[in-house]
Amino acid sequence: KVSTAATPVKKVVYPDNLDGWIREARAVLAAHDIPVPTYNGIYRNIIRESSGNPNAINLWDSNAAKGIPSKGLLQTIDPTFNAYHVSGTSWNVYNPVANIAAACNYAWHVYGGMDNVNSAY
């Protein structure tokens, strides 16, 4: 007799730290068929943009002067975050996984991927 009982799906739990946020965002991108940048490509950009602070905000550049400061780990502005938001992630730009996923989606569409980003975007 063949069992028809569903096999429970084991949910992956990621640590609530920079490593976990990057790993979870990479899994989210893969699940949505968005090309996944290397771990190091994401990490390098996060360290340059926010030093790993998910609550970072830039209040002094040209975007801030226009009233749309860069926010979060990868310093996305709200219009970019909203346009490249990845379904299933938070709509809060300060959410680390949502911020990484949206920024990587944006980088894919504009630069061919986060691994190609070596300066501010």
PDB file of N, CA and C in Angstrom:
ATOM      1  N   LYS A   1       0.845  -1.177   0.000  1.00  0.00           N
ATOM      2  CA  LYS A   1       0.000   0.000   0.000  1.00  0.00           C
ATOM      3  C   LYS A   1       0.894   1.245   0.000  1.00  0.00           C
ATOM      4  N   VAL A   2       0.580   2.188  -0.876  1.00  0.00           N
ATOM      5  CA  VAL A   2       1.326   3.433  -0.987  1.00  0.00           C
ATOM      6  C   VAL A   2       0.733   4.451  -0.018  1.00  0.00           C
ATOM      7  N   SER A   3       1.589   5.067   0.744  1.00  0.00           N
ATOM      8  CA  SER A   3       1.140   6.078   1.696  1.00  0.00           C
ATOM      9  C   SER A   3       0.779   7.362   0.957  1.00  0.00           C
ATOM     10  N   THR A   4      -0.325   7.950   1.334  1.00  0.00           N
ATOM     11  CA  THR A   4      -0.738   9.225   0.743  1.00  0.00           C
ATOM     12  C   THR A   4      -0.541  10.381   1.721  1.00  0.00           C
ATOM     13  N   ALA A   5       0.040  10.072   2.855  1.00  0.00           N
ATOM     14  CA  ALA A   5       0.278  11.127   3.847  1.00  0.00           C
ATOM     15  C   ALA A   5       1.355  12.079   3.334  1.00  0.00           C
ATOM     16  N   ALA A   6       1.117  13.331   3.540  1.00  0.00           N
ATOM     17  CA  ALA A   6       2.085  14.345   3.110  1.00  0.00           C
ATOM     18  C   ALA A   6       3.321  14.292   4.000  1.00  0.00           C
ATOM     19  N   THR A   7       4.452  14.424   3.371  1.00  0.00           N
ATOM     20  CA  THR A   7       5.698  14.497   4.120  1.00  0.00           C
ATOM     21  C   THR A   7       5.869  15.931   4.605  1.00  0.00           C
ATOM     22  N   PRO A   8       6.064  16.104   5.896  1.00  0.00           N
ATOM     23  CA  PRO A   8       6.213  17.476   6.388  1.00  0.00           C
ATOM     24  C   PRO A   8       7.454  18.141   5.787  1.00  0.00           C
ATOM     25  N   VAL A   9       7.289  19.406   5.449  1.00  0.00           N
ATOM     26  CA  VAL A   9       8.395  20.179   4.897  1.00  0.00           C
ATOM     27  C   VAL A   9       9.147  20.802   6.066  1.00  0.00           C
ATOM     28  N   LYS A  10      10.442  20.566   6.081  1.00  0.00           N
ATOM     29  CA  LYS A  10      11.262  21.120   7.153  1.00  0.00           C
ATOM     30  C   LYS A  10      11.627  22.552   6.791  1.00  0.00           C
ATOM     31  N   LYS A  11      11.206  23.484   7.621  1.00  0.00           N
ATOM     32  CA  LYS A  11      11.498  24.897   7.380  1.00  0.00           C
ATOM     33  C   LYS A  11      12.916  25.208   7.840  1.00  0.00           C
ATOM     34  N   VAL A  12      13.637  25.876   6.969  1.00  0.00           N
ATOM     35  CA  VAL A  12      14.995  26.286   7.311  1.00  0.00           C
ATOM     36  C   VAL A  12      14.915  27.515   8.209  1.00  0.00           C
ATOM     37  N   VAL A  13      15.638  27.487   9.287  1.00  0.00           N
ATOM     38  CA  VAL A  13      15.697  28.627  10.194  1.00  0.00           C
ATOM     39  C   VAL A  13      17.096  29.228  10.082  1.00  0.00           C
ATOM     40  N   TYR A  14      17.134  30.490   9.744  1.00  0.00           N
ATOM     41  CA  TYR A  14      18.400  31.192   9.578  1.00  0.00           C
ATOM     42  C   TYR A  14      18.703  32.010  10.823  1.00  0.00           C
ATOM     43  N   PRO A  15      19.982  32.141  11.166  1.00  0.00           N
ATOM     44  CA  PRO A  15      20.314  32.988  12.317  1.00  0.00           C
ATOM     45  C   PRO A  15      19.964  34.446  12.042  1.00  0.00           C
ATOM     46  N   ASP A  16      19.607  35.151  13.090  1.00  0.00           N
ATOM     47  CA  ASP A  16      19.245  36.567  12.969  1.00  0.00           C
ATOM     48  C   ASP A  16      20.510  37.416  13.090  1.00  0.00           C
ATOM     49  N   ASN A  17      21.355  37.287  12.054  1.00  0.00           N
ATOM     50  CA  ASN A  17      22.590  38.064  11.991  1.00  0.00           C
ATOM     51  C   ASN A  17      22.953  38.240  10.516  1.00  0.00           C
ATOM     52  N   LEU A  18      24.009  38.956  10.233  1.00  0.00           N
ATOM     53  CA  LEU A  18      24.355  39.264   8.849  1.00  0.00           C
ATOM     54  C   LEU A  18      24.503  38.010   8.005  1.00  0.00           C
ATOM     55  N   ASP A  19      25.169  37.003   8.524  1.00  0.00           N
ATOM     56  CA  ASP A  19      25.324  35.753   7.782  1.00  0.00           C
ATOM     57  C   ASP A  19      23.965  35.135   7.454  1.00  0.00           C
ATOM     58  N   GLY A  20      23.098  35.061   8.438  1.00  0.00           N
ATOM     59  CA  GLY A  20      21.773  34.479   8.229  1.00  0.00           C
ATOM     60  C   GLY A  20      20.935  35.282   7.253  1.00  0.00           C
ATOM     61  N   TRP A  21      20.996  36.612   7.343  1.00  0.00           N
ATOM     62  CA  TRP A  21      20.220  37.464   6.436  1.00  0.00           C
ATOM     63  C   TRP A  21      20.665  37.266   4.990  1.00  0.00           C
ATOM     64  N   ILE A  22      21.972  37.192   4.780  1.00  0.00           N
ATOM     65  CA  ILE A  22      22.478  36.982   3.420  1.00  0.00           C
ATOM     66  C   ILE A  22      22.049  35.611   2.910  1.00  0.00           C
ATOM     67  N   ARG A  23      22.211  34.587   3.723  1.00  0.00           N
ATOM     68  CA  ARG A  23      21.837  33.230   3.293  1.00  0.00           C
ATOM     69  C   ARG A  23      20.339  33.137   2.996  1.00  0.00           C
ATOM     70  N   GLU A  24      19.515  33.739   3.853  1.00  0.00           N
ATOM     71  CA  GLU A  24      18.069  33.696   3.625  1.00  0.00           C
ATOM     72  C   GLU A  24      17.690  34.469   2.367  1.00  0.00           C
ATOM     73  N   ALA A  25      18.272  35.633   2.166  1.00  0.00           N
ATOM     74  CA  ALA A  25      17.967  36.419   0.965  1.00  0.00           C
ATOM     75  C   ALA A  25      18.369  35.658  -0.298  1.00  0.00           C
ATOM     76  N   ARG A  26      19.501  34.969  -0.271  1.00  0.00           N
ATOM     77  CA  ARG A  26      19.929  34.180  -1.431  1.00  0.00           C
ATOM     78  C   ARG A  26      18.918  33.065  -1.712  1.00  0.00           C
ATOM     79  N   ALA A  27      18.377  32.447  -0.658  1.00  0.00           N
ATOM     80  CA  ALA A  27      17.361  31.403  -0.834  1.00  0.00           C
ATOM     81  C   ALA A  27      16.077  31.988  -1.413  1.00  0.00           C
ATOM     82  N   VAL A  28      15.687  33.165  -0.946  1.00  0.00           N
ATOM     83  CA  VAL A  28      14.490  33.841  -1.465  1.00  0.00           C
ATOM     84  C   VAL A  28      14.663  34.150  -2.951  1.00  0.00           C
ATOM     85  N   LEU A  29      15.814  34.691  -3.318  1.00  0.00           N
ATOM     86  CA  LEU A  29      16.072  35.001  -4.731  1.00  0.00           C
ATOM     87  C   LEU A  29      15.985  33.734  -5.575  1.00  0.00           C
ATOM     88  N   ALA A  30      16.604  32.662  -5.118  1.00  0.00           N
ATOM     89  CA  ALA A  30      16.581  31.398  -5.862  1.00  0.00           C
ATOM     90  C   ALA A  30      15.156  30.882  -6.019  1.00  0.00           C
ATOM     91  N   ALA A  31      14.355  31.004  -4.969  1.00  0.00           N
ATOM     92  CA  ALA A  31      12.966  30.533  -5.014  1.00  0.00           C
ATOM     93  C   ALA A  31      12.121  31.323  -6.007  1.00  0.00           C
ATOM     94  N   HIS A  32      12.548  32.541  -6.327  1.00  0.00           N
ATOM     95  CA  HIS A  32      11.820  33.389  -7.271  1.00  0.00           C
ATOM     96  C   HIS A  32      12.502  33.447  -8.637  1.00  0.00           C
ATOM     97  N   ASP A  33      13.441  32.534  -8.858  1.00  0.00           N
ATOM     98  CA  ASP A  33      14.172  32.469 -10.138  1.00  0.00           C
ATOM     99  C   ASP A  33      14.858  33.784 -10.491  1.00  0.00           C
ATOM    100  N   ILE A  34      15.316  34.483  -9.479  1.00  0.00           N
ATOM    101  CA  ILE A  34      16.110  35.695  -9.678  1.00  0.00           C
ATOM    102  C   ILE A  34      17.567  35.259  -9.537  1.00  0.00           C
ATOM    103  N   PRO A  35      18.420  35.589 -10.498  1.00  0.00           N
ATOM    104  CA  PRO A  35      19.816  35.155 -10.396  1.00  0.00           C
ATOM    105  C   PRO A  35      20.433  35.530  -9.043  1.00  0.00           C
ATOM    106  N   VAL A  36      21.071  34.554  -8.437  1.00  0.00           N
ATOM    107  CA  VAL A  36      21.601  34.714  -7.083  1.00  0.00           C
ATOM    108  C   VAL A  36      23.072  35.125  -7.127  1.00  0.00           C
ATOM    109  N   PRO A  37      23.380  36.295  -6.574  1.00  0.00           N
ATOM    110  CA  PRO A  37      24.785  36.711  -6.523  1.00  0.00           C
ATOM    111  C   PRO A  37      25.566  35.875  -5.516  1.00  0.00           C
ATOM    112  N   THR A  38      26.871  35.955  -5.591  1.00  0.00           N
ATOM    113  CA  THR A  38      27.689  35.239  -4.620  1.00  0.00           C
ATOM    114  C   THR A  38      27.485  35.830  -3.231  1.00  0.00           C
ATOM    115  N   TYR A  39      27.712  35.008  -2.247  1.00  0.00           N
ATOM    116  CA  TYR A  39      27.656  35.463  -0.859  1.00  0.00           C
ATOM    117  C   TYR A  39      28.608  36.641  -0.673  1.00  0.00           C
ATOM    118  N   ASN A  40      29.833  36.488  -1.175  1.00  0.00           N
ATOM    119  CA  ASN A  40      30.843  37.536  -0.996  1.00  0.00           C
ATOM    120  C   ASN A  40      30.482  38.834  -1.704  1.00  0.00           C
ATOM    121  N   GLY A  41      29.815  38.738  -2.856  1.00  0.00           N
ATOM    122  CA  GLY A  41      29.383  39.945  -3.555  1.00  0.00           C
ATOM    123  C   GLY A  41      28.381  40.737  -2.735  1.00  0.00           C
ATOM    124  N   ILE A  42      27.450  40.030  -2.113  1.00  0.00           N
ATOM    125  CA  ILE A  42      26.467  40.692  -1.250  1.00  0.00           C
ATOM    126  C   ILE A  42      27.168  41.256  -0.011  1.00  0.00           C
ATOM    127  N   TYR A  43      27.975  40.437   0.625  1.00  0.00           N
ATOM    128  CA  TYR A  43      28.660  40.846   1.856  1.00  0.00           C
ATOM    129  C   TYR A  43      29.510  42.097   1.626  1.00  0.00           C
ATOM    130  N   ARG A  44      30.295  42.098   0.567  1.00  0.00           N
ATOM    131  CA  ARG A  44      31.183  43.225   0.253  1.00  0.00           C
ATOM    132  C   ARG A  44      30.381  44.522   0.117  1.00  0.00           C
ATOM    133  N   ASN A  45      29.257  44.451  -0.585  1.00  0.00           N
ATOM    134  CA  ASN A  45      28.434  45.645  -0.784  1.00  0.00           C
ATOM    135  C   ASN A  45      27.775  46.101   0.516  1.00  0.00           C
ATOM    136  N   ILE A  46      27.335  45.159   1.333  1.00  0.00           N
ATOM    137  CA  ILE A  46      26.728  45.523   2.617  1.00  0.00           C
ATOM    138  C   ILE A  46      27.743  46.241   3.503  1.00  0.00           C
ATOM    139  N   ILE A  47      28.935  45.696   3.588  1.00  0.00           N
ATOM    140  CA  ILE A  47      29.951  46.309   4.447  1.00  0.00           C
ATOM    141  C   ILE A  47      30.277  47.719   3.957  1.00  0.00           C
ATOM    142  N   ARG A  48      30.365  47.895   2.649  1.00  0.00           N
ATOM    143  CA  ARG A  48      30.663  49.223   2.104  1.00  0.00           C
ATOM    144  C   ARG A  48      29.509  50.198   2.341  1.00  0.00           C
ATOM    145  N   GLU A  49      28.287  49.729   2.160  1.00  0.00           N
ATOM    146  CA  GLU A  49      27.123  50.620   2.229  1.00  0.00           C
ATOM    147  C   GLU A  49      26.681  50.949   3.655  1.00  0.00           C
ATOM    148  N   SER A  50      26.713  49.967   4.565  1.00  0.00           N
ATOM    149  CA  SER A  50      26.115  50.190   5.893  1.00  0.00           C
ATOM    150  C   SER A  50      26.934  49.635   7.049  1.00  0.00           C
ATOM    151  N   SER A  51      28.065  49.052   6.763  1.00  0.00           N
ATOM    152  CA  SER A  51      28.875  48.374   7.791  1.00  0.00           C
ATOM    153  C   SER A  51      28.089  47.270   8.487  1.00  0.00           C
ATOM    154  N   GLY A  52      27.053  46.755   7.825  1.00  0.00           N
ATOM    155  CA  GLY A  52      26.257  45.668   8.386  1.00  0.00           C
ATOM    156  C   GLY A  52      25.146  46.106   9.314  1.00  0.00           C
ATOM    157  N   ASN A  53      24.834  47.396   9.335  1.00  0.00           N
ATOM    158  CA  ASN A  53      23.778  47.930  10.202  1.00  0.00           C
ATOM    159  C   ASN A  53      22.461  47.986   9.429  1.00  0.00           C
ATOM    160  N   PRO A  54      21.485  47.125   9.771  1.00  0.00           N
ATOM    161  CA  PRO A  54      20.217  47.125   9.037  1.00  0.00           C
ATOM    162  C   PRO A  54      19.396  48.399   9.226  1.00  0.00           C
ATOM    163  N   ASN A  55      19.732  49.202  10.238  1.00  0.00           N
ATOM    164  CA  ASN A  55      19.002  50.450  10.498  1.00  0.00           C
ATOM    165  C   ASN A  55      19.734  51.681   9.982  1.00  0.00           C
ATOM    166  N   ALA A  56      20.745  51.471   9.166  1.00  0.00           N
ATOM    167  CA  ALA A  56      21.518  52.596   8.625  1.00  0.00           C
ATOM    168  C   ALA A  56      20.628  53.475   7.750  1.00  0.00           C
ATOM    169  N   ILE A  57      20.869  54.770   7.818  1.00  0.00           N
ATOM    170  CA  ILE A  57      20.158  55.726   6.966  1.00  0.00           C
ATOM    171  C   ILE A  57      21.133  56.845   6.604  1.00  0.00           C
ATOM    172  N   ASN A  58      21.106  57.242   5.355  1.00  0.00           N
ATOM    173  CA  ASN A  58      21.979  58.300   4.862  1.00  0.00           C
ATOM    174  C   ASN A  58      21.153  59.582   4.785  1.00  0.00           C
ATOM    175  N   LEU A  59      21.474  60.534   5.617  1.00  0.00           N
ATOM    176  CA  LEU A  59      20.712  61.783   5.678  1.00  0.00           C
ATOM    177  C   LEU A  59      21.450  62.966   5.064  1.00  0.00           C
ATOM    178  N   TRP A  60      22.509  62.711   4.290  1.00  0.00           N
ATOM    179  CA  TRP A  60      23.305  63.835   3.791  1.00  0.00           C
ATOM    180  C   TRP A  60      23.514  63.870   2.281  1.00  0.00           C
ATOM    181  N   ASP A  61      23.223  62.805   1.534  1.00  0.00           N
ATOM    182  CA  ASP A  61      23.534  62.816   0.097  1.00  0.00           C
ATOM    183  C   ASP A  61      22.405  63.434  -0.730  1.00  0.00           C
ATOM    184  N   SER A  62      22.538  63.362  -2.050  1.00  0.00           N
ATOM    185  CA  SER A  62      21.551  63.983  -2.945  1.00  0.00           C
ATOM    186  C   SER A  62      20.168  63.359  -2.802  1.00  0.00           C
ATOM    187  N   ASN A  63      20.095  62.053  -2.542  1.00  0.00           N
ATOM    188  CA  ASN A  63      18.788  61.434  -2.327  1.00  0.00           C
ATOM    189  C   ASN A  63      18.133  61.981  -1.065  1.00  0.00           C
ATOM    190  N   ALA A  64      18.908  62.106  -0.010  1.00  0.00           N
ATOM    191  CA  ALA A  64      18.376  62.653   1.242  1.00  0.00           C
ATOM    192  C   ALA A  64      17.890  64.084   1.034  1.00  0.00           C
ATOM    193  N   ALA A  65      18.633  64.863   0.253  1.00  0.00           N
ATOM    194  CA  ALA A  65      18.235  66.249  -0.031  1.00  0.00           C
ATOM    195  C   ALA A  65      16.898  66.303  -0.762  1.00  0.00           C
ATOM    196  N   LYS A  66      16.575  65.239  -1.515  1.00  0.00           N
ATOM    197  CA  LYS A  66      15.294  65.155  -2.230  1.00  0.00           C
ATOM    198  C   LYS A  66      14.197  64.549  -1.360  1.00  0.00           C
ATOM    199  N   GLY A  67      14.538  64.181  -0.130  1.00  0.00           N
ATOM    200  CA  GLY A  67      13.550  63.604   0.775  1.00  0.00           C
ATOM    201  C   GLY A  67      13.404  62.101   0.668  1.00  0.00           C
ATOM    202  N   ILE A  68      14.321  61.447  -0.037  1.00  0.00           N
ATOM    203  CA  ILE A  68      14.265  59.986  -0.167  1.00  0.00           C
ATOM    204  C   ILE A  68      15.623  59.381   0.218  1.00  0.00           C
ATOM    205  N   PRO A  69      15.933  59.404   1.516  1.00  0.00           N
ATOM    206  CA  PRO A  69      17.240  58.907   1.953  1.00  0.00           C
ATOM    207  C   PRO A  69      17.420  57.415   1.700  1.00  0.00           C
ATOM    208  N   SER A  70      18.667  57.026   1.529  1.00  0.00           N
ATOM    209  CA  SER A  70      19.029  55.620   1.378  1.00  0.00           C
ATOM    210  C   SER A  70      18.926  54.948   2.742  1.00  0.00           C
ATOM    211  N   LYS A  71      18.396  53.716   2.746  1.00  0.00           N
ATOM    212  CA  LYS A  71      18.112  53.043   4.014  1.00  0.00           C
ATOM    213  C   LYS A  71      18.525  51.579   3.985  1.00  0.00           C
ATOM    214  N   GLY A  72      18.837  51.075   5.163  1.00  0.00           N
ATOM    215  CA  GLY A  72      19.050  49.646   5.340  1.00  0.00           C
ATOM    216  C   GLY A  72      20.438  49.159   4.971  1.00  0.00           C
ATOM    217  N   LEU A  73      20.587  47.846   4.979  1.00  0.00           N
ATOM    218  CA  LEU A  73      21.880  47.216   4.745  1.00  0.00           C
ATOM    219  C   LEU A  73      22.521  47.623   3.432  1.00  0.00           C
ATOM    220  N   LEU A  74      21.721  47.695   2.370  1.00  0.00           N
ATOM    221  CA  LEU A  74      22.269  48.015   1.055  1.00  0.00           C
ATOM    222  C   LEU A  74      21.858  49.399   0.583  1.00  0.00           C
ATOM    223  N   GLN A  75      21.399  50.229   1.528  1.00  0.00           N
ATOM    224  CA  GLN A  75      21.145  51.647   1.263  1.00  0.00           C
ATOM    225  C   GLN A  75      20.273  51.878   0.031  1.00  0.00           C
ATOM    226  N   THR A  76      19.121  51.230   0.011  1.00  0.00           N
ATOM    227  CA  THR A  76      18.165  51.447  -1.068  1.00  0.00           C
ATOM    228  C   THR A  76      17.259  52.622  -0.714  1.00  0.00           C
ATOM    229  N   ILE A  77      16.825  53.339  -1.741  1.00  0.00           N
ATOM    230  CA  ILE A  77      15.835  54.394  -1.532  1.00  0.00           C
ATOM    231  C   ILE A  77      14.461  53.756  -1.693  1.00  0.00           C
ATOM    232  N   ASP A  78      13.459  54.354  -1.073  1.00  0.00           N
ATOM    233  CA  ASP A  78      12.120  53.752  -1.080  1.00  0.00           C
ATOM    234  C   ASP A  78      11.594  53.432  -2.481  1.00  0.00           C
ATOM    235  N   PRO A  79      11.707  54.335  -3.472  1.00  0.00           N
ATOM    236  CA  PRO A  79      11.178  53.989  -4.797  1.00  0.00           C
ATOM    237  C   PRO A  79      11.853  52.753  -5.412  1.00  0.00           C
ATOM    238  N   THR A  80      13.146  52.611  -5.203  1.00  0.00           N
ATOM    239  CA  THR A  80      13.859  51.438  -5.725  1.00  0.00           C
ATOM    240  C   THR A  80      13.439  50.191  -4.971  1.00  0.00           C
ATOM    241  N   PHE A  81      13.367  50.291  -3.656  1.00  0.00           N
ATOM    242  CA  PHE A  81      12.932  49.153  -2.848  1.00  0.00           C
ATOM    243  C   PHE A  81      11.545  48.689  -3.288  1.00  0.00           C
ATOM    244  N   ASN A  82      10.626  49.627  -3.445  1.00  0.00           N
ATOM    245  CA  ASN A  82       9.257  49.275  -3.831  1.00  0.00           C
ATOM    246  C   ASN A  82       9.190  48.678  -5.232  1.00  0.00           C
ATOM    247  N   ALA A  83       9.967  49.210  -6.160  1.00  0.00           N
ATOM    248  CA  ALA A  83       9.947  48.719  -7.544  1.00  0.00           C
ATOM    249  C   ALA A  83      10.557  47.326  -7.674  1.00  0.00           C
ATOM    250  N   TYR A  84      11.541  47.006  -6.849  1.00  0.00           N
ATOM    251  CA  TYR A  84      12.258  45.734  -6.975  1.00  0.00           C
ATOM    252  C   TYR A  84      12.015  44.799  -5.795  1.00  0.00           C
ATOM    253  N   HIS A  85      11.002  45.105  -4.988  1.00  0.00           N
ATOM    254  CA  HIS A  85      10.622  44.261  -3.857  1.00  0.00           C
ATOM    255  C   HIS A  85      10.413  42.825  -4.336  1.00  0.00           C
ATOM    256  N   VAL A  86      10.859  41.870  -3.552  1.00  0.00           N
ATOM    257  CA  VAL A  86      10.689  40.460  -3.894  1.00  0.00           C
ATOM    258  C   VAL A  86       9.529  39.909  -3.072  1.00  0.00           C
ATOM    259  N   SER A  87       8.553  39.359  -3.774  1.00  0.00           N
ATOM    260  CA  SER A  87       7.342  38.815  -3.162  1.00  0.00           C
ATOM    261  C   SER A  87       7.679  37.846  -2.027  1.00  0.00           C
ATOM    262  N   GLY A  88       6.918  37.962  -0.953  1.00  0.00           N
ATOM    263  CA  GLY A  88       7.109  37.076   0.183  1.00  0.00           C
ATOM    264  C   GLY A  88       8.036  37.641   1.246  1.00  0.00           C
ATOM    265  N   THR A  89       8.703  38.754   0.933  1.00  0.00           N
ATOM    266  CA  THR A  89       9.535  39.408   1.945  1.00  0.00           C
ATOM    267  C   THR A  89       8.772  40.602   2.508  1.00  0.00           C
ATOM    268  N   SER A  90       9.260  41.110   3.597  1.00  0.00           N
ATOM    269  CA  SER A  90       8.644  42.261   4.253  1.00  0.00           C
ATOM    270  C   SER A  90       8.646  43.479   3.330  1.00  0.00           C
ATOM    271  N   TRP A  91       7.662  44.344   3.513  1.00  0.00           N
ATOM    272  CA  TRP A  91       7.634  45.626   2.795  1.00  0.00           C
ATOM    273  C   TRP A  91       8.360  46.713   3.590  1.00  0.00           C
ATOM    274  N   ASN A  92       9.021  46.338   4.663  1.00  0.00           N
ATOM    275  CA  ASN A  92       9.788  47.283   5.472  1.00  0.00           C
ATOM    276  C   ASN A  92      11.207  47.348   4.917  1.00  0.00           C
ATOM    277  N   VAL A  93      11.614  48.503   4.420  1.00  0.00           N
ATOM    278  CA  VAL A  93      12.929  48.674   3.802  1.00  0.00           C
ATOM    279  C   VAL A  93      14.064  48.372   4.779  1.00  0.00           C
ATOM    280  N   TYR A  94      13.794  48.472   6.066  1.00  0.00           N
ATOM    281  CA  TYR A  94      14.812  48.170   7.070  1.00  0.00           C
ATOM    282  C   TYR A  94      14.901  46.679   7.395  1.00  0.00           C
ATOM    283  N   ASN A  95      13.968  45.881   6.895  1.00  0.00           N
ATOM    284  CA  ASN A  95      14.049  44.441   7.114  1.00  0.00           C
ATOM    285  C   ASN A  95      15.263  43.919   6.349  1.00  0.00           C
ATOM    286  N   PRO A  96      16.212  43.293   7.029  1.00  0.00           N
ATOM    287  CA  PRO A  96      17.458  42.907   6.358  1.00  0.00           C
ATOM    288  C   PRO A  96      17.275  42.014   5.133  1.00  0.00           C
ATOM    289  N   VAL A  97      16.446  40.990   5.245  1.00  0.00           N
ATOM    290  CA  VAL A  97      16.264  40.061   4.123  1.00  0.00           C
ATOM    291  C   VAL A  97      15.565  40.757   2.964  1.00  0.00           C
ATOM    292  N   ALA A  98      14.539  41.536   3.255  1.00  0.00           N
ATOM    293  CA  ALA A  98      13.817  42.255   2.200  1.00  0.00           C
ATOM    294  C   ALA A  98      14.724  43.265   1.512  1.00  0.00           C
ATOM    295  N   ASN A  99      15.554  43.956   2.282  1.00  0.00           N
ATOM    296  CA  ASN A  99      16.461  44.955   1.732  1.00  0.00           C
ATOM    297  C   ASN A  99      17.488  44.297   0.818  1.00  0.00           C
ATOM    298  N   ILE A 100      18.073  43.200   1.268  1.00  0.00           N
ATOM    299  CA  ILE A 100      19.054  42.489   0.442  1.00  0.00           C
ATOM    300  C   ILE A 100      18.400  41.974  -0.832  1.00  0.00           C
ATOM    301  N   ALA A 101      17.236  41.342  -0.704  1.00  0.00           N
ATOM    302  CA  ALA A 101      16.567  40.766  -1.873  1.00  0.00           C
ATOM    303  C   ALA A 101      16.211  41.839  -2.897  1.00  0.00           C
ATOM    304  N   ALA A 102      15.644  42.946  -2.448  1.00  0.00           N
ATOM    305  CA  ALA A 102      15.270  44.020  -3.376  1.00  0.00           C
ATOM    306  C   ALA A 102      16.502  44.623  -4.040  1.00  0.00           C
ATOM    307  N   ALA A 103      17.545  44.866  -3.262  1.00  0.00           N
ATOM    308  CA  ALA A 103      18.771  45.446  -3.826  1.00  0.00           C
ATOM    309  C   ALA A 103      19.413  44.502  -4.836  1.00  0.00           C
ATOM    310  N   CYS A 104      19.416  43.212  -4.548  1.00  0.00           N
ATOM    311  CA  CYS A 104      19.981  42.238  -5.494  1.00  0.00           C
ATOM    312  C   CYS A 104      19.137  42.152  -6.758  1.00  0.00           C
ATOM    313  N   ASN A 105      17.819  42.220  -6.614  1.00  0.00           N
ATOM    314  CA  ASN A 105      16.929  42.209  -7.774  1.00  0.00           C
ATOM    315  C   ASN A 105      17.192  43.445  -8.638  1.00  0.00           C
ATOM    316  N   TYR A 106      17.320  44.591  -7.995  1.00  0.00           N
ATOM    317  CA  TYR A 106      17.643  45.834  -8.698  1.00  0.00           C
ATOM    318  C   TYR A 106      18.997  45.718  -9.400  1.00  0.00           C
ATOM    319  N   ALA A 107      19.996  45.253  -8.673  1.00  0.00           N
ATOM    320  CA  ALA A 107      21.344  45.136  -9.250  1.00  0.00           C
ATOM    321  C   ALA A 107      21.347  44.190 -10.446  1.00  0.00           C
ATOM    322  N   TRP A 108      20.545  43.134 -10.381  1.00  0.00           N
ATOM    323  CA  TRP A 108      20.452  42.210 -11.516  1.00  0.00           C
ATOM    324  C   TRP A 108      19.911  42.934 -12.748  1.00  0.00           C
ATOM    325  N   HIS A 109      18.837  43.682 -12.562  1.00  0.00           N
ATOM    326  CA  HIS A 109      18.202  44.363 -13.693  1.00  0.00           C
ATOM    327  C   HIS A 109      19.027  45.522 -14.245  1.00  0.00           C
ATOM    328  N   VAL A 110      19.777  46.197 -13.414  1.00  0.00           N
ATOM    329  CA  VAL A 110      20.505  47.395 -13.838  1.00  0.00           C
ATOM    330  C   VAL A 110      21.971  47.114 -14.172  1.00  0.00           C
ATOM    331  N   TYR A 111      22.617  46.255 -13.391  1.00  0.00           N
ATOM    332  CA  TYR A 111      24.058  46.031 -13.542  1.00  0.00           C
ATOM    333  C   TYR A 111      24.428  44.609 -13.946  1.00  0.00           C
ATOM    334  N   GLY A 112      23.424  43.745 -14.110  1.00  0.00           N
ATOM    335  CA  GLY A 112      23.720  42.355 -14.431  1.00  0.00           C
ATOM    336  C   GLY A 112      24.065  41.528 -13.211  1.00  0.00           C
ATOM    337  N   GLY A 113      23.840  42.076 -12.030  1.00  0.00           N
ATOM    338  CA  GLY A 113      24.049  41.326 -10.794  1.00  0.00           C
ATOM    339  C   GLY A 113      24.845  42.094  -9.759  1.00  0.00           C
ATOM    340  N   MET A 114      24.631  41.734  -8.505  1.00  0.00           N
ATOM    341  CA  MET A 114      25.318  42.379  -7.388  1.00  0.00           C
ATOM    342  C   MET A 114      26.825  42.174  -7.470  1.00  0.00           C
ATOM    343  N   ASP A 115      27.258  41.074  -8.063  1.00  0.00           N
ATOM    344  CA  ASP A 115      28.696  40.826  -8.181  1.00  0.00           C
ATOM    345  C   ASP A 115      29.379  41.843  -9.089  1.00  0.00           C
ATOM    346  N   ASN A 116      28.600  42.553  -9.896  1.00  0.00           N
ATOM    347  CA  ASN A 116      29.155  43.576 -10.786  1.00  0.00           C
ATOM    348  C   ASN A 116      29.163  44.964 -10.153  1.00  0.00           C
ATOM    349  N   VAL A 117      28.633  45.080  -8.946  1.00  0.00           N
ATOM    350  CA  VAL A 117      28.541  46.382  -8.282  1.00  0.00           C
ATOM    351  C   VAL A 117      29.768  46.565  -7.393  1.00  0.00           C
ATOM    352  N   ASN A 118      30.572  47.545  -7.729  1.00  0.00           N
ATOM    353  CA  ASN A 118      31.797  47.795  -6.965  1.00  0.00           C
ATOM    354  C   ASN A 118      31.854  49.209  -6.421  1.00  0.00           C
ATOM    355  N   SER A 119      30.738  49.916  -6.508  1.00  0.00           N
ATOM    356  CA  SER A 119      30.668  51.268  -5.956  1.00  0.00           C
ATOM    357  C   SER A 119      29.211  51.541  -5.627  1.00  0.00           C
ATOM    358  N   ALA A 120      28.940  52.727  -5.181  1.00  0.00           N
ATOM    359  CA  ALA A 120      27.557  53.068  -4.820  1.00  0.00           C
ATOM    360  C   ALA A 120      26.640  52.884  -6.012  1.00  0.00           C
ATOM    361  N   TYR A 121      25.432  52.446  -5.752  1.00  0.00           N
ATOM    362  CA  TYR A 121      24.436  52.274  -6.807  1.00  0.00           C
ATOM    363  C   TYR A 121      23.210  52.956  -6.415  1.00  0.00           C
TER     364      TYR A 121
END
